[in-house]
Amino acid sequence: MQHTGSMRQLIGIWGLLLLLTAATVGISRIHLGAANIWAALGIATAKATLVTLFFMHLKKEGRVIKISLLVTLATLATFIGLTFFDVLYR
């Protein structure tokens, strides 16, 4: 399999991932209450999206692979959400 992105693009994405990691560490040191969790989850989602799109080459895959990933992630989010509701209402 040939690389689809240029070395410059991959290094740029890597640098962006490093900045997002620094943002994760920075947000953990700021007291925002419940917003800390949402900020950390947002940053983690952005990092996971960059990794899957560029380093795992999902950007170049077909529609079936993309849809199956979205269905899988939606199922996972549903299970995590139901777990949170279960813990919340105990």
PDB file of N, CA and C in Angstrom:
ATOM      1  N   MET A   1       0.839  -1.179   0.000  1.00  0.00           N
ATOM      2  CA  MET A   1       0.000   0.000   0.000  1.00  0.00           C
ATOM      3  C   MET A   1       0.884   1.243   0.000  1.00  0.00           C
ATOM      4  N   GLN A   2       0.558   2.149  -0.869  1.00  0.00           N
ATOM      5  CA  GLN A   2       1.320   3.381  -0.989  1.00  0.00           C
ATOM      6  C   GLN A   2       0.775   4.442  -0.041  1.00  0.00           C
ATOM      7  N   HIS A   3       1.661   5.288   0.461  1.00  0.00           N
ATOM      8  CA  HIS A   3       1.203   6.405   1.284  1.00  0.00           C
ATOM      9  C   HIS A   3       0.406   7.368   0.421  1.00  0.00           C
ATOM     10  N   THR A   4      -0.710   7.822   0.956  1.00  0.00           N
ATOM     11  CA  THR A   4      -1.548   8.735   0.190  1.00  0.00           C
ATOM     12  C   THR A   4      -1.297  10.191   0.550  1.00  0.00           C
ATOM     13  N   GLY A   5      -0.713  10.436   1.699  1.00  0.00           N
ATOM     14  CA  GLY A   5      -0.439  11.809   2.111  1.00  0.00           C
ATOM     15  C   GLY A   5       1.042  12.119   1.988  1.00  0.00           C
ATOM     16  N   SER A   6       1.347  13.382   1.854  1.00  0.00           N
ATOM     17  CA  SER A   6       2.743  13.777   1.772  1.00  0.00           C
ATOM     18  C   SER A   6       3.363  13.765   3.169  1.00  0.00           C
ATOM     19  N   MET A   7       4.663  13.718   3.197  1.00  0.00           N
ATOM     20  CA  MET A   7       5.378  13.721   4.466  1.00  0.00           C
ATOM     21  C   MET A   7       5.106  15.026   5.221  1.00  0.00           C
ATOM     22  N   ARG A   8       5.003  16.113   4.493  1.00  0.00           N
ATOM     23  CA  ARG A   8       4.715  17.410   5.117  1.00  0.00           C
ATOM     24  C   ARG A   8       3.353  17.395   5.805  1.00  0.00           C
ATOM     25  N   GLN A   9       2.355  16.798   5.146  1.00  0.00           N
ATOM     26  CA  GLN A   9       1.015  16.715   5.715  1.00  0.00           C
ATOM     27  C   GLN A   9       1.023  15.842   6.972  1.00  0.00           C
ATOM     28  N   LEU A  10       1.704  14.699   6.914  1.00  0.00           N
ATOM     29  CA  LEU A  10       1.747  13.797   8.062  1.00  0.00           C
ATOM     30  C   LEU A  10       2.465  14.436   9.254  1.00  0.00           C
ATOM     31  N   ILE A  11       3.522  15.164   8.987  1.00  0.00           N
ATOM     32  CA  ILE A  11       4.231  15.858  10.072  1.00  0.00           C
ATOM     33  C   ILE A  11       3.359  16.972  10.644  1.00  0.00           C
ATOM     34  N   GLY A  12       2.594  17.645   9.790  1.00  0.00           N
ATOM     35  CA  GLY A  12       1.667  18.666  10.274  1.00  0.00           C
ATOM     36  C   GLY A  12       0.588  18.073  11.177  1.00  0.00           C
ATOM     37  N   ILE A  13       0.043  16.929  10.783  1.00  0.00           N
ATOM     38  CA  ILE A  13      -0.967  16.256  11.601  1.00  0.00           C
ATOM     39  C   ILE A  13      -0.351  15.804  12.915  1.00  0.00           C
ATOM     40  N   TRP A  14       0.869  15.291  12.861  1.00  0.00           N
ATOM     41  CA  TRP A  14       1.571  14.878  14.081  1.00  0.00           C
ATOM     42  C   TRP A  14       1.765  16.070  15.020  1.00  0.00           C
ATOM     43  N   GLY A  15       2.151  17.214  14.462  1.00  0.00           N
ATOM     44  CA  GLY A  15       2.306  18.424  15.279  1.00  0.00           C
ATOM     45  C   GLY A  15       0.989  18.855  15.896  1.00  0.00           C
ATOM     46  N   LEU A  16      -0.085  18.752  15.131  1.00  0.00           N
ATOM     47  CA  LEU A  16      -1.402  19.088  15.652  1.00  0.00           C
ATOM     48  C   LEU A  16      -1.805  18.134  16.776  1.00  0.00           C
ATOM     49  N   LEU A  17      -1.473  16.856  16.628  1.00  0.00           N
ATOM     50  CA  LEU A  17      -1.739  15.891  17.694  1.00  0.00           C
ATOM     51  C   LEU A  17      -0.950  16.226  18.963  1.00  0.00           C
ATOM     52  N   LEU A  18       0.284  16.690  18.794  1.00  0.00           N
ATOM     53  CA  LEU A  18       1.074  17.107  19.954  1.00  0.00           C
ATOM     54  C   LEU A  18       0.452  18.325  20.634  1.00  0.00           C
ATOM     55  N   LEU A  19      -0.032  19.274  19.841  1.00  0.00           N
ATOM     56  CA  LEU A  19      -0.700  20.452  20.415  1.00  0.00           C
ATOM     57  C   LEU A  19      -1.978  20.058  21.159  1.00  0.00           C
ATOM     58  N   LEU A  20      -2.732  19.131  20.591  1.00  0.00           N
ATOM     59  CA  LEU A  20      -3.940  18.679  21.264  1.00  0.00           C
ATOM     60  C   LEU A  20      -3.618  17.915  22.549  1.00  0.00           C
ATOM     61  N   THR A  21      -2.515  17.190  22.556  1.00  0.00           N
ATOM     62  CA  THR A  21      -2.086  16.521  23.785  1.00  0.00           C
ATOM     63  C   THR A  21      -1.721  17.550  24.851  1.00  0.00           C
ATOM     64  N   ALA A  22      -1.020  18.606  24.440  1.00  0.00           N
ATOM     65  CA  ALA A  22      -0.696  19.682  25.379  1.00  0.00           C
ATOM     66  C   ALA A  22      -1.970  20.362  25.877  1.00  0.00           C
ATOM     67  N   ALA A  23      -2.965  20.495  24.989  1.00  0.00           N
ATOM     68  CA  ALA A  23      -4.246  21.081  25.405  1.00  0.00           C
ATOM     69  C   ALA A  23      -4.947  20.193  26.424  1.00  0.00           C
ATOM     70  N   THR A  24      -4.843  18.882  26.257  1.00  0.00           N
ATOM     71  CA  THR A  24      -5.431  17.954  27.224  1.00  0.00           C
ATOM     72  C   THR A  24      -4.792  18.121  28.590  1.00  0.00           C
ATOM     73  N   VAL A  25      -3.473  18.219  28.609  1.00  0.00           N
ATOM     74  CA  VAL A  25      -2.774  18.418  29.879  1.00  0.00           C
ATOM     75  C   VAL A  25      -3.134  19.777  30.468  1.00  0.00           C
ATOM     76  N   GLY A  26      -3.198  20.793  29.630  1.00  0.00           N
ATOM     77  CA  GLY A  26      -3.537  22.130  30.103  1.00  0.00           C
ATOM     78  C   GLY A  26      -4.943  22.212  30.665  1.00  0.00           C
ATOM     79  N   ILE A  27      -5.902  21.566  30.005  1.00  0.00           N
ATOM     80  CA  ILE A  27      -7.287  21.629  30.466  1.00  0.00           C
ATOM     81  C   ILE A  27      -7.456  20.856  31.769  1.00  0.00           C
ATOM     82  N   SER A  28      -6.591  19.883  31.997  1.00  0.00           N
ATOM     83  CA  SER A  28      -6.696  19.122  33.249  1.00  0.00           C
ATOM     84  C   SER A  28      -6.244  19.951  34.448  1.00  0.00           C
ATOM     85  N   ARG A  29      -5.475  20.987  34.205  1.00  0.00           N
ATOM     86  CA  ARG A  29      -4.974  21.826  35.295  1.00  0.00           C
ATOM     87  C   ARG A  29      -5.874  23.024  35.599  1.00  0.00           C
ATOM     88  N   ILE A  30      -6.886  23.222  34.764  1.00  0.00           N
ATOM     89  CA  ILE A  30      -7.834  24.323  34.953  1.00  0.00           C
ATOM     90  C   ILE A  30      -9.123  23.757  35.530  1.00  0.00           C
ATOM     91  N   HIS A  31      -9.628  24.390  36.576  1.00  0.00           N
ATOM     92  CA  HIS A  31     -10.866  23.908  37.193  1.00  0.00           C
ATOM     93  C   HIS A  31     -12.067  24.526  36.472  1.00  0.00           C
ATOM     94  N   LEU A  32     -12.773  23.680  35.717  1.00  0.00           N
ATOM     95  CA  LEU A  32     -13.965  24.128  35.001  1.00  0.00           C
ATOM     96  C   LEU A  32     -15.218  23.399  35.472  1.00  0.00           C
ATOM     97  N   GLY A  33     -15.089  22.631  36.521  1.00  0.00           N
ATOM     98  CA  GLY A  33     -16.230  21.851  37.009  1.00  0.00           C
ATOM     99  C   GLY A  33     -16.520  20.694  36.077  1.00  0.00           C
ATOM    100  N   ALA A  34     -17.795  20.519  35.741  1.00  0.00           N
ATOM    101  CA  ALA A  34     -18.197  19.418  34.869  1.00  0.00           C
ATOM    102  C   ALA A  34     -17.734  19.634  33.427  1.00  0.00           C
ATOM    103  N   ALA A  35     -17.389  20.861  33.082  1.00  0.00           N
ATOM    104  CA  ALA A  35     -16.937  21.144  31.717  1.00  0.00           C
ATOM    105  C   ALA A  35     -15.577  20.525  31.424  1.00  0.00           C
ATOM    106  N   ASN A  36     -14.805  20.189  32.468  1.00  0.00           N
ATOM    107  CA  ASN A  36     -13.507  19.540  32.249  1.00  0.00           C
ATOM    108  C   ASN A  36     -13.676  18.229  31.485  1.00  0.00           C
ATOM    109  N   ILE A  37     -14.677  17.459  31.869  1.00  0.00           N
ATOM    110  CA  ILE A  37     -14.902  16.167  31.223  1.00  0.00           C
ATOM    111  C   ILE A  37     -15.265  16.374  29.762  1.00  0.00           C
ATOM    112  N   TRP A  38     -16.168  17.323  29.497  1.00  0.00           N
ATOM    113  CA  TRP A  38     -16.599  17.557  28.118  1.00  0.00           C
ATOM    114  C   TRP A  38     -15.457  18.105  27.264  1.00  0.00           C
ATOM    115  N   ALA A  39     -14.620  18.954  27.836  1.00  0.00           N
ATOM    116  CA  ALA A  39     -13.476  19.486  27.089  1.00  0.00           C
ATOM    117  C   ALA A  39     -12.480  18.379  26.768  1.00  0.00           C
ATOM    118  N   ALA A  40     -12.203  17.531  27.762  1.00  0.00           N
ATOM    119  CA  ALA A  40     -11.270  16.429  27.532  1.00  0.00           C
ATOM    120  C   ALA A  40     -11.825  15.448  26.501  1.00  0.00           C
ATOM    121  N   LEU A  41     -13.128  15.163  26.558  1.00  0.00           N
ATOM    122  CA  LEU A  41     -13.730  14.270  25.572  1.00  0.00           C
ATOM    123  C   LEU A  41     -13.724  14.888  24.176  1.00  0.00           C
ATOM    124  N   GLY A  42     -13.936  16.181  24.094  1.00  0.00           N
ATOM    125  CA  GLY A  42     -13.878  16.857  22.794  1.00  0.00           C
ATOM    126  C   GLY A  42     -12.495  16.810  22.178  1.00  0.00           C
ATOM    127  N   ILE A  43     -11.476  17.051  22.994  1.00  0.00           N
ATOM    128  CA  ILE A  43     -10.096  16.993  22.505  1.00  0.00           C
ATOM    129  C   ILE A  43      -9.746  15.568  22.096  1.00  0.00           C
ATOM    130  N   ALA A  44     -10.155  14.587  22.898  1.00  0.00           N
ATOM    131  CA  ALA A  44      -9.883  13.183  22.572  1.00  0.00           C
ATOM    132  C   ALA A  44     -10.582  12.780  21.275  1.00  0.00           C
ATOM    133  N   THR A  45     -11.787  13.284  21.064  1.00  0.00           N
ATOM    134  CA  THR A  45     -12.506  12.990  19.824  1.00  0.00           C
ATOM    135  C   THR A  45     -11.788  13.580  18.618  1.00  0.00           C
ATOM    136  N   ALA A  46     -11.297  14.794  18.769  1.00  0.00           N
ATOM    137  CA  ALA A  46     -10.549  15.430  17.677  1.00  0.00           C
ATOM    138  C   ALA A  46      -9.279  14.646  17.359  1.00  0.00           C
ATOM    139  N   LYS A  47      -8.562  14.204  18.394  1.00  0.00           N
ATOM    140  CA  LYS A  47      -7.340  13.427  18.171  1.00  0.00           C
ATOM    141  C   LYS A  47      -7.647  12.089  17.511  1.00  0.00           C
ATOM    142  N   ALA A  48      -8.688  11.412  17.971  1.00  0.00           N
ATOM    143  CA  ALA A  48      -9.055  10.126  17.375  1.00  0.00           C
ATOM    144  C   ALA A  48      -9.480  10.291  15.919  1.00  0.00           C
ATOM    145  N   THR A  49     -10.177  11.383  15.626  1.00  0.00           N
ATOM    146  CA  THR A  49     -10.594  11.644  14.248  1.00  0.00           C
ATOM    147  C   THR A  49      -9.390  11.865  13.346  1.00  0.00           C
ATOM    148  N   LEU A  50      -8.427  12.641  13.803  1.00  0.00           N
ATOM    149  CA  LEU A  50      -7.217  12.867  13.008  1.00  0.00           C
ATOM    150  C   LEU A  50      -6.460  11.570  12.753  1.00  0.00           C
ATOM    151  N   VAL A  51      -6.333  10.745  13.781  1.00  0.00           N
ATOM    152  CA  VAL A  51      -5.607   9.482  13.623  1.00  0.00           C
ATOM    153  C   VAL A  51      -6.315   8.568  12.634  1.00  0.00           C
ATOM    154  N   THR A  52      -7.632   8.435  12.770  1.00  0.00           N
ATOM    155  CA  THR A  52      -8.341   7.525  11.867  1.00  0.00           C
ATOM    156  C   THR A  52      -8.377   8.048  10.431  1.00  0.00           C
ATOM    157  N   LEU A  53      -8.527   9.341  10.256  1.00  0.00           N
ATOM    158  CA  LEU A  53      -8.600   9.880   8.900  1.00  0.00           C
ATOM    159  C   LEU A  53      -7.264   9.838   8.168  1.00  0.00           C
ATOM    160  N   PHE A  54      -6.195  10.212   8.839  1.00  0.00           N
ATOM    161  CA  PHE A  54      -4.927  10.383   8.141  1.00  0.00           C
ATOM    162  C   PHE A  54      -3.960   9.221   8.332  1.00  0.00           C
ATOM    163  N   PHE A  55      -3.779   8.742   9.556  1.00  0.00           N
ATOM    164  CA  PHE A  55      -2.792   7.694   9.772  1.00  0.00           C
ATOM    165  C   PHE A  55      -3.354   6.302   9.483  1.00  0.00           C
ATOM    166  N   MET A  56      -4.669   6.127   9.627  1.00  0.00           N
ATOM    167  CA  MET A  56      -5.288   4.843   9.300  1.00  0.00           C
ATOM    168  C   MET A  56      -5.933   4.878   7.916  1.00  0.00           C
ATOM    169  N   HIS A  57      -5.783   5.979   7.205  1.00  0.00           N
ATOM    170  CA  HIS A  57      -6.215   6.167   5.823  1.00  0.00           C
ATOM    171  C   HIS A  57      -7.717   5.962   5.622  1.00  0.00           C
ATOM    172  N   LEU A  58      -8.518   6.277   6.622  1.00  0.00           N
ATOM    173  CA  LEU A  58      -9.961   6.151   6.482  1.00  0.00           C
ATOM    174  C   LEU A  58     -10.507   7.153   5.465  1.00  0.00           C
ATOM    175  N   LYS A  59      -9.795   8.231   5.285  1.00  0.00           N
ATOM    176  CA  LYS A  59     -10.209   9.267   4.339  1.00  0.00           C
ATOM    177  C   LYS A  59     -10.296   8.713   2.908  1.00  0.00           C
ATOM    178  N   LYS A  60      -9.490   7.705   2.603  1.00  0.00           N
ATOM    179  CA  LYS A  60      -9.439   7.144   1.251  1.00  0.00           C
ATOM    180  C   LYS A  60     -10.253   5.852   1.111  1.00  0.00           C
ATOM    181  N   GLU A  61     -10.898   5.396   2.184  1.00  0.00           N
ATOM    182  CA  GLU A  61     -11.662   4.148   2.127  1.00  0.00           C
ATOM    183  C   GLU A  61     -13.025   4.358   1.487  1.00  0.00           C
ATOM    184  N   GLY A  62     -13.673   3.264   1.204  1.00  0.00           N
ATOM    185  CA  GLY A  62     -14.983   3.312   0.572  1.00  0.00           C
ATOM    186  C   GLY A  62     -16.085   3.653   1.561  1.00  0.00           C
ATOM    187  N   ARG A  63     -17.277   3.831   1.017  1.00  0.00           N
ATOM    188  CA  ARG A  63     -18.427   4.241   1.811  1.00  0.00           C
ATOM    189  C   ARG A  63     -18.819   3.183   2.847  1.00  0.00           C
ATOM    190  N   VAL A  64     -18.722   1.906   2.503  1.00  0.00           N
ATOM    191  CA  VAL A  64     -19.137   0.838   3.415  1.00  0.00           C
ATOM    192  C   VAL A  64     -18.284   0.842   4.683  1.00  0.00           C
ATOM    193  N   ILE A  65     -16.998   1.034   4.540  1.00  0.00           N
ATOM    194  CA  ILE A  65     -16.103   1.069   5.699  1.00  0.00           C
ATOM    195  C   ILE A  65     -16.421   2.266   6.583  1.00  0.00           C
ATOM    196  N   LYS A  66     -16.646   3.412   5.976  1.00  0.00           N
ATOM    197  CA  LYS A  66     -16.965   4.618   6.743  1.00  0.00           C
ATOM    198  C   LYS A  66     -18.281   4.470   7.498  1.00  0.00           C
ATOM    199  N   ILE A  67     -19.292   3.912   6.834  1.00  0.00           N
ATOM    200  CA  ILE A  67     -20.588   3.729   7.482  1.00  0.00           C
ATOM    201  C   ILE A  67     -20.489   2.719   8.607  1.00  0.00           C
ATOM    202  N   SER A  68     -19.741   1.638   8.398  1.00  0.00           N
ATOM    203  CA  SER A  68     -19.604   0.639   9.463  1.00  0.00           C
ATOM    204  C   SER A  68     -18.877   1.219  10.675  1.00  0.00           C
ATOM    205  N   LEU A  69     -17.899   2.087  10.450  1.00  0.00           N
ATOM    206  CA  LEU A  69     -17.231   2.744  11.569  1.00  0.00           C
ATOM    207  C   LEU A  69     -18.197   3.650  12.322  1.00  0.00           C
ATOM    208  N   LEU A  70     -18.997   4.415  11.606  1.00  0.00           N
ATOM    209  CA  LEU A  70     -19.953   5.305  12.264  1.00  0.00           C
ATOM    210  C   LEU A  70     -21.005   4.524  13.047  1.00  0.00           C
ATOM    211  N   VAL A  71     -21.487   3.411  12.503  1.00  0.00           N
ATOM    212  CA  VAL A  71     -22.460   2.580  13.223  1.00  0.00           C
ATOM    213  C   VAL A  71     -21.821   2.004  14.483  1.00  0.00           C
ATOM    214  N   THR A  72     -20.590   1.551  14.371  1.00  0.00           N
ATOM    215  CA  THR A  72     -19.887   1.018  15.534  1.00  0.00           C
ATOM    216  C   THR A  72     -19.706   2.082  16.610  1.00  0.00           C
ATOM    217  N   LEU A  73     -19.295   3.279  16.215  1.00  0.00           N
ATOM    218  CA  LEU A  73     -19.103   4.357  17.183  1.00  0.00           C
ATOM    219  C   LEU A  73     -20.418   4.804  17.813  1.00  0.00           C
ATOM    220  N   ALA A  74     -21.492   4.812  17.028  1.00  0.00           N
ATOM    221  CA  ALA A  74     -22.803   5.164  17.578  1.00  0.00           C
ATOM    222  C   ALA A  74     -23.269   4.117  18.590  1.00  0.00           C
ATOM    223  N   THR A  75     -23.024   2.848  18.292  1.00  0.00           N
ATOM    224  CA  THR A  75     -23.373   1.781  19.238  1.00  0.00           C
ATOM    225  C   THR A  75     -22.563   1.913  20.519  1.00  0.00           C
ATOM    226  N   LEU A  76     -21.281   2.172  20.394  1.00  0.00           N
ATOM    227  CA  LEU A  76     -20.429   2.358  21.572  1.00  0.00           C
ATOM    228  C   LEU A  76     -20.899   3.550  22.396  1.00  0.00           C
ATOM    229  N   ALA A  77     -21.218   4.664  21.731  1.00  0.00           N
ATOM    230  CA  ALA A  77     -21.699   5.854  22.439  1.00  0.00           C
ATOM    231  C   ALA A  77     -23.014   5.573  23.156  1.00  0.00           C
ATOM    232  N   THR A  78     -23.878   4.787  22.538  1.00  0.00           N
ATOM    233  CA  THR A  78     -25.147   4.419  23.173  1.00  0.00           C
ATOM    234  C   THR A  78     -24.900   3.603  24.437  1.00  0.00           C
ATOM    235  N   PHE A  79     -24.020   2.620  24.355  1.00  0.00           N
ATOM    236  CA  PHE A  79     -23.717   1.794  25.531  1.00  0.00           C
ATOM    237  C   PHE A  79     -23.083   2.613  26.651  1.00  0.00           C
ATOM    238  N   ILE A  80     -22.175   3.514  26.301  1.00  0.00           N
ATOM    239  CA  ILE A  80     -21.548   4.357  27.319  1.00  0.00           C
ATOM    240  C   ILE A  80     -22.581   5.289  27.933  1.00  0.00           C
ATOM    241  N   GLY A  81     -23.446   5.864  27.091  1.00  0.00           N
ATOM    242  CA  GLY A  81     -24.502   6.737  27.611  1.00  0.00           C
ATOM    243  C   GLY A  81     -25.452   6.009  28.530  1.00  0.00           C
ATOM    244  N   LEU A  82     -25.854   4.799  28.160  1.00  0.00           N
ATOM    245  CA  LEU A  82     -26.734   4.013  29.029  1.00  0.00           C
ATOM    246  C   LEU A  82     -26.048   3.658  30.346  1.00  0.00           C
ATOM    247  N   THR A  83     -24.758   3.402  30.298  1.00  0.00           N
ATOM    248  CA  THR A  83     -24.009   3.123  31.532  1.00  0.00           C
ATOM    249  C   THR A  83     -23.996   4.347  32.442  1.00  0.00           C
ATOM    250  N   PHE A  84     -23.780   5.541  31.853  1.00  0.00           N
ATOM    251  CA  PHE A  84     -23.798   6.761  32.651  1.00  0.00           C
ATOM    252  C   PHE A  84     -25.159   6.985  33.295  1.00  0.00           C
ATOM    253  N   PHE A  85     -26.245   6.759  32.537  1.00  0.00           N
ATOM    254  CA  PHE A  85     -27.587   6.917  33.096  1.00  0.00           C
ATOM    255  C   PHE A  85     -27.852   5.904  34.205  1.00  0.00           C
ATOM    256  N   ASP A  86     -27.345   4.690  34.045  1.00  0.00           N
ATOM    257  CA  ASP A  86     -27.512   3.678  35.069  1.00  0.00           C
ATOM    258  C   ASP A  86     -26.826   4.090  36.369  1.00  0.00           C
ATOM    259  N   VAL A  87     -25.606   4.587  36.242  1.00  0.00           N
ATOM    260  CA  VAL A  87     -24.880   5.035  37.438  1.00  0.00           C
ATOM    261  C   VAL A  87     -25.531   6.280  38.034  1.00  0.00           C
ATOM    262  N   LEU A  88     -26.028   7.166  37.197  1.00  0.00           N
ATOM    263  CA  LEU A  88     -26.632   8.419  37.656  1.00  0.00           C
ATOM    264  C   LEU A  88     -27.882   8.178  38.488  1.00  0.00           C
ATOM    265  N   TYR A  89     -28.706   7.222  38.111  1.00  0.00           N
ATOM    266  CA  TYR A  89     -29.984   7.014  38.768  1.00  0.00           C
ATOM    267  C   TYR A  89     -29.989   5.855  39.758  1.00  0.00           C
ATOM    268  N   ARG A  90     -28.852   5.476  40.268  1.00  0.00           N
ATOM    269  CA  ARG A  90     -28.805   4.431  41.305  1.00  0.00           C
ATOM    270  C   ARG A  90     -29.055   5.019  42.651  1.00  0.00           C
TER     271      ARG A  90
END
